[in-house]
Amino acid sequence: MTRSELIARMAAKNPALYHRDIERLVGTILDEISGALERGDRVELRGFGAFSVRHRKARIGRNPRTGTSVQVAEKKVPFFKMGKGMRERLNR
């Protein structure tokens, strides 16, 4: 599901709200989650899951096209862990 599809579904379920307000709401929520991850915070949505940042160490990788070794820098990556409620919904 894309961001625009999410907004369209929310608008269909909430006809009393303006489309632009739902768009602003979704944007604000995603911006707040992104901002928290940038600060190194963990975002937990009970029943859905938790977003956190994981650190990957620098390593030596391999270019799949040429086979040569390439130095891959250390980086931070987002990580999502599914919550218990979501896991139960998916595995009914």
Protein backbone atom coordinates (compact mmCIF):
# COMPACT_ATOMS: atom_id res chain seq x y z
CA MET A 1 0.00 0.00 0.00
CA THR A 2 1.35 3.41 -0.91
CA ARG A 3 0.92 6.63 1.04
CA SER A 4 -1.75 7.90 -1.39
CA GLU A 5 -3.65 4.59 -1.14
CA LEU A 6 -3.59 4.84 2.65
CA ILE A 7 -4.97 8.39 2.48
CA ALA A 8 -7.69 7.31 0.03
CA ARG A 9 -8.78 4.41 2.30
CA MET A 10 -8.86 6.63 5.35
CA ALA A 11 -10.90 9.22 3.44
CA ALA A 12 -13.37 6.53 2.36
CA LYS A 13 -13.81 5.33 5.96
CA ASN A 14 -14.13 8.88 7.33
CA PRO A 15 -16.35 10.85 4.92
CA ALA A 16 -16.87 13.61 7.52
CA LEU A 17 -13.19 14.60 7.28
CA TYR A 18 -11.67 16.58 4.43
CA HIS A 19 -9.18 14.79 2.21
CA ARG A 20 -6.56 17.49 2.82
CA ASP A 21 -6.90 17.05 6.60
CA ILE A 22 -6.35 13.30 6.34
CA GLU A 23 -3.36 13.92 4.08
CA ARG A 24 -1.91 16.34 6.65
CA LEU A 25 -2.59 13.85 9.47
CA VAL A 26 -0.83 10.96 7.71
CA GLY A 27 2.08 13.25 6.81
CA THR A 28 2.42 14.45 10.39
CA ILE A 29 2.41 10.91 11.81
CA LEU A 30 5.05 9.70 9.35
CA ASP A 31 7.17 12.82 9.92
CA GLU A 32 7.05 12.31 13.69
CA ILE A 33 8.09 8.65 13.36
CA SER A 34 10.95 9.65 11.04
CA GLY A 35 12.02 12.46 13.36
CA ALA A 36 12.08 10.16 16.37
CA LEU A 37 14.22 7.63 14.49
CA GLU A 38 16.61 10.41 13.43
CA ARG A 39 17.04 11.34 17.10
CA GLY A 40 17.74 7.68 17.90
CA ASP A 41 14.45 7.16 19.75
CA ARG A 42 12.29 4.05 19.56
CA VAL A 43 8.67 4.40 18.38
CA GLU A 44 6.22 1.85 19.75
CA LEU A 45 2.63 1.56 18.52
CA ARG A 46 0.90 -0.94 20.82
CA GLY A 47 -0.71 -3.80 18.94
CA PHE A 48 1.07 -2.82 15.71
CA GLY A 49 4.80 -2.87 16.29
CA ALA A 50 7.93 -0.93 17.13
CA PHE A 51 10.32 1.05 14.97
CA SER A 52 13.94 1.44 16.03
CA VAL A 53 17.35 2.17 14.56
CA ARG A 54 20.00 -0.52 14.20
CA HIS A 55 23.66 0.10 13.55
CA ARG A 56 25.52 -1.85 10.89
CA LYS A 57 29.28 -2.01 11.24
CA ALA A 58 31.64 -1.19 8.39
CA ARG A 59 32.51 -4.24 6.35
CA ILE A 60 34.05 -5.41 3.12
CA GLY A 61 31.42 -6.26 0.52
CA ARG A 62 31.59 -7.59 -3.01
CA ASN A 63 30.46 -5.91 -6.21
CA PRO A 64 28.16 -8.53 -7.79
CA ARG A 65 28.86 -7.33 -11.33
CA THR A 66 32.66 -7.28 -11.24
CA GLY A 67 33.42 -9.44 -8.19
CA THR A 68 35.83 -6.86 -6.74
CA SER A 69 35.94 -6.10 -3.03
CA VAL A 70 34.29 -2.86 -1.92
CA GLN A 71 34.49 -1.10 1.43
CA VAL A 72 30.98 -0.58 2.83
CA ALA A 73 30.77 2.22 5.41
CA GLU A 74 29.11 1.98 8.82
CA LYS A 75 25.46 3.02 8.68
CA LYS A 76 22.21 3.21 10.58
CA VAL A 77 19.16 1.39 9.24
CA PRO A 78 15.50 1.44 10.32
CA PHE A 79 14.17 -1.76 11.89
CA PHE A 80 10.55 -2.80 12.46
CA LYS A 81 9.49 -5.45 14.95
CA MET A 82 5.90 -6.64 14.63
CA GLY A 83 3.75 -6.38 17.76
CA LYS A 84 1.86 -9.26 19.33
CA GLY A 85 -1.55 -7.98 18.19
CA MET A 86 -0.41 -7.71 14.56
CA ARG A 87 1.19 -11.15 14.65
CA GLU A 88 -2.05 -12.67 16.00
CA ARG A 89 -4.09 -10.93 13.28
CA LEU A 90 -1.86 -12.29 10.55
CA ASN A 91 -1.75 -15.83 11.94
CA ARG A 92 -5.40 -16.48 12.72
